[in-house]
Amino acid sequence: MIRTMLFFISLIPLAIAPSQGISQINEIEGVFLGCVEDGYSFCGKTALAMEEIVVFDEILSVILEKYPLHEDKHIGENFIISFIEHVEVWEDDGKEISTLIRLQKLMSGQHLQE
């Protein structure tokens, strides 16, 4: 009886807290498109040289200090973007979150080294 009760008590935090998916750092080259309702929008180039719109939900404050993306002056500029994608799961629902962790401005004609 006590073992069963302890087992159920140990499961309570799993039911309450969100589980985190595996996170890895990704890097793409992209052009800043501007702020959108859900975050910061970039047009990035995938590994297959396809263009894809990527919206970052979160961005580190040190990046915003260096590149105040909420101002329009960086729209159209080319960057190397390092980010982490992770999935937050609440019961049966999951939401993918992308966090921008590093931003490096590229000069004209400069590209990400593959």
C-alpha atoms as a PDB file:
ATOM      1  CA  MET A   1       0.000   0.000   0.000  1.00  0.00           C
ATOM      2  CA  ILE A   2       2.751   2.454   0.948  1.00  0.00           C
ATOM      3  CA  ARG A   3       4.771   1.571  -2.197  1.00  0.00           C
ATOM      4  CA  THR A   4       1.727   2.172  -4.387  1.00  0.00           C
ATOM      5  CA  MET A   5       1.074   5.521  -2.729  1.00  0.00           C
ATOM      6  CA  LEU A   6       4.720   6.574  -3.143  1.00  0.00           C
ATOM      7  CA  PHE A   7       4.601   5.577  -6.806  1.00  0.00           C
ATOM      8  CA  PHE A   8       1.557   7.782  -7.439  1.00  0.00           C
ATOM      9  CA  ILE A   9       3.075  10.661  -5.477  1.00  0.00           C
ATOM     10  CA  SER A  10       6.221  10.450  -7.622  1.00  0.00           C
ATOM     11  CA  LEU A  11       4.077  10.685 -10.794  1.00  0.00           C
ATOM     12  CA  ILE A  12       2.362  13.929  -9.733  1.00  0.00           C
ATOM     13  CA  PRO A  13       5.241  16.230 -10.842  1.00  0.00           C
ATOM     14  CA  LEU A  14       5.220  14.566 -14.275  1.00  0.00           C
ATOM     15  CA  ALA A  15       1.545  15.359 -14.703  1.00  0.00           C
ATOM     16  CA  ILE A  16       1.932  18.989 -13.583  1.00  0.00           C
ATOM     17  CA  ALA A  17       5.240  20.119 -15.106  1.00  0.00           C
ATOM     18  CA  PRO A  18       5.733  20.401 -18.860  1.00  0.00           C
ATOM     19  CA  SER A  19       8.157  17.928 -20.339  1.00  0.00           C
ATOM     20  CA  GLN A  20      10.912  19.328 -22.478  1.00  0.00           C
ATOM     21  CA  GLY A  21      11.935  17.815 -25.785  1.00  0.00           C
ATOM     22  CA  ILE A  22      15.528  17.422 -26.853  1.00  0.00           C
ATOM     23  CA  SER A  23      17.112  20.745 -27.790  1.00  0.00           C
ATOM     24  CA  GLN A  24      19.969  21.274 -30.190  1.00  0.00           C
ATOM     25  CA  ILE A  25      21.596  24.402 -31.566  1.00  0.00           C
ATOM     26  CA  ASN A  26      20.772  25.119 -35.199  1.00  0.00           C
ATOM     27  CA  GLU A  27      22.403  27.727 -37.429  1.00  0.00           C
ATOM     28  CA  ILE A  28      21.034  29.341 -40.579  1.00  0.00           C
ATOM     29  CA  GLU A  29      21.640  32.407 -42.681  1.00  0.00           C
ATOM     30  CA  GLY A  30      18.663  34.721 -42.889  1.00  0.00           C
ATOM     31  CA  VAL A  31      17.367  38.173 -43.704  1.00  0.00           C
ATOM     32  CA  PHE A  32      15.500  40.025 -40.969  1.00  0.00           C
ATOM     33  CA  LEU A  33      11.922  40.755 -42.096  1.00  0.00           C
ATOM     34  CA  GLY A  34      10.719  42.556 -38.977  1.00  0.00           C
ATOM     35  CA  CYS A  35       8.667  42.041 -35.849  1.00  0.00           C
ATOM     36  CA  VAL A  36       5.435  40.117 -36.070  1.00  0.00           C
ATOM     37  CA  GLU A  37       2.782  39.416 -33.477  1.00  0.00           C
ATOM     38  CA  ASP A  38       4.393  36.141 -32.384  1.00  0.00           C
ATOM     39  CA  GLY A  39       8.046  37.200 -32.435  1.00  0.00           C
ATOM     40  CA  TYR A  40      10.871  38.107 -34.796  1.00  0.00           C
ATOM     41  CA  SER A  41      10.610  37.050 -38.443  1.00  0.00           C
ATOM     42  CA  PHE A  42      13.515  36.048 -40.691  1.00  0.00           C
ATOM     43  CA  CYS A  43      13.663  34.585 -44.195  1.00  0.00           C
ATOM     44  CA  GLY A  44      16.185  31.788 -43.797  1.00  0.00           C
ATOM     45  CA  LYS A  45      17.890  29.431 -46.210  1.00  0.00           C
ATOM     46  CA  THR A  46      17.561  25.743 -45.343  1.00  0.00           C
ATOM     47  CA  ALA A  47      20.229  23.092 -45.932  1.00  0.00           C
ATOM     48  CA  LEU A  48      18.581  22.311 -49.287  1.00  0.00           C
ATOM     49  CA  ALA A  49      18.898  25.997 -50.344  1.00  0.00           C
ATOM     50  CA  MET A  50      15.142  26.500 -49.949  1.00  0.00           C
ATOM     51  CA  GLU A  51      13.874  29.734 -48.446  1.00  0.00           C
ATOM     52  CA  GLU A  52      11.695  29.483 -45.363  1.00  0.00           C
ATOM     53  CA  ILE A  53      10.114  32.084 -43.081  1.00  0.00           C
ATOM     54  CA  VAL A  54      11.208  31.460 -39.495  1.00  0.00           C
ATOM     55  CA  VAL A  55       9.646  33.232 -36.519  1.00  0.00           C
ATOM     56  CA  PHE A  56      11.551  33.233 -33.251  1.00  0.00           C
ATOM     57  CA  ASP A  57       9.335  33.283 -30.171  1.00  0.00           C
ATOM     58  CA  GLU A  58      12.093  34.236 -27.781  1.00  0.00           C
ATOM     59  CA  ILE A  59      15.334  36.168 -28.085  1.00  0.00           C
ATOM     60  CA  LEU A  60      18.093  36.742 -25.547  1.00  0.00           C
ATOM     61  CA  SER A  61      18.132  40.262 -24.098  1.00  0.00           C
ATOM     62  CA  VAL A  62      21.845  40.724 -24.899  1.00  0.00           C
ATOM     63  CA  ILE A  63      21.003  40.297 -28.584  1.00  0.00           C
ATOM     64  CA  LEU A  64      18.287  42.942 -28.363  1.00  0.00           C
ATOM     65  CA  GLU A  65      20.773  45.302 -26.716  1.00  0.00           C
ATOM     66  CA  LYS A  66      23.199  44.898 -29.628  1.00  0.00           C
ATOM     67  CA  TYR A  67      20.547  44.680 -32.373  1.00  0.00           C
ATOM     68  CA  PRO A  68      17.314  46.413 -31.297  1.00  0.00           C
ATOM     69  CA  LEU A  69      15.140  44.384 -33.665  1.00  0.00           C
ATOM     70  CA  HIS A  70      11.973  46.125 -32.493  1.00  0.00           C
ATOM     71  CA  GLU A  71      13.241  49.151 -34.456  1.00  0.00           C
ATOM     72  CA  ASP A  72      12.881  49.045 -38.241  1.00  0.00           C
ATOM     73  CA  LYS A  73      16.530  49.887 -38.984  1.00  0.00           C
ATOM     74  CA  HIS A  74      17.653  46.206 -39.237  1.00  0.00           C
ATOM     75  CA  ILE A  75      14.968  45.089 -41.699  1.00  0.00           C
ATOM     76  CA  GLY A  76      16.572  43.612 -44.813  1.00  0.00           C
ATOM     77  CA  GLU A  77      19.931  42.949 -43.136  1.00  0.00           C
ATOM     78  CA  ASN A  78      21.572  39.544 -43.471  1.00  0.00           C
ATOM     79  CA  PHE A  79      22.532  37.571 -40.337  1.00  0.00           C
ATOM     80  CA  ILE A  80      23.881  34.237 -39.203  1.00  0.00           C
ATOM     81  CA  ILE A  81      21.250  33.047 -36.749  1.00  0.00           C
ATOM     82  CA  SER A  82      21.919  30.481 -34.023  1.00  0.00           C
ATOM     83  CA  PHE A  83      18.832  29.151 -32.301  1.00  0.00           C
ATOM     84  CA  ILE A  84      17.400  26.343 -30.227  1.00  0.00           C
ATOM     85  CA  GLU A  85      14.097  24.633 -30.937  1.00  0.00           C
ATOM     86  CA  HIS A  86      12.379  22.789 -28.145  1.00  0.00           C
ATOM     87  CA  VAL A  87       8.929  21.404 -27.577  1.00  0.00           C
ATOM     88  CA  GLU A  88       6.929  22.244 -24.488  1.00  0.00           C
ATOM     89  CA  VAL A  89       4.318  19.614 -23.781  1.00  0.00           C
ATOM     90  CA  TRP A  90       1.305  20.199 -21.554  1.00  0.00           C
ATOM     91  CA  GLU A  91      -0.660  16.947 -21.219  1.00  0.00           C
ATOM     92  CA  ASP A  92      -1.666  16.095 -24.819  1.00  0.00           C
ATOM     93  CA  ASP A  93      -0.739  19.445 -26.357  1.00  0.00           C
ATOM     94  CA  GLY A  94       2.699  20.382 -27.645  1.00  0.00           C
ATOM     95  CA  LYS A  95       4.079  23.712 -28.808  1.00  0.00           C
ATOM     96  CA  GLU A  96       7.409  24.186 -30.546  1.00  0.00           C
ATOM     97  CA  ILE A  97       9.364  27.167 -29.242  1.00  0.00           C
ATOM     98  CA  SER A  98      12.325  28.695 -31.102  1.00  0.00           C
ATOM     99  CA  THR A  99      14.779  30.742 -29.064  1.00  0.00           C
ATOM    100  CA  LEU A 100      17.312  32.937 -30.841  1.00  0.00           C
ATOM    101  CA  ILE A 101      20.563  32.639 -28.874  1.00  0.00           C
ATOM    102  CA  ARG A 102      23.129  34.308 -31.175  1.00  0.00           C
ATOM    103  CA  LEU A 103      22.956  36.802 -34.012  1.00  0.00           C
ATOM    104  CA  GLN A 104      25.909  37.797 -36.182  1.00  0.00           C
ATOM    105  CA  LYS A 105      25.494  40.454 -38.855  1.00  0.00           C
ATOM    106  CA  LEU A 106      26.921  39.561 -42.266  1.00  0.00           C
ATOM    107  CA  MET A 107      28.505  42.181 -44.469  1.00  0.00           C
ATOM    108  CA  SER A 108      27.431  42.579 -48.086  1.00  0.00           C
ATOM    109  CA  GLY A 109      28.570  39.547 -50.101  1.00  0.00           C
ATOM    110  CA  GLN A 110      29.506  37.572 -46.978  1.00  0.00           C
ATOM    111  CA  HIS A 111      27.775  34.205 -46.445  1.00  0.00           C
ATOM    112  CA  LEU A 112      27.563  31.433 -43.872  1.00  0.00           C
ATOM    113  CA  GLN A 113      30.411  28.941 -44.322  1.00  0.00           C
ATOM    114  CA  GLU A 114      29.007  25.433 -44.889  1.00  0.00           C
END
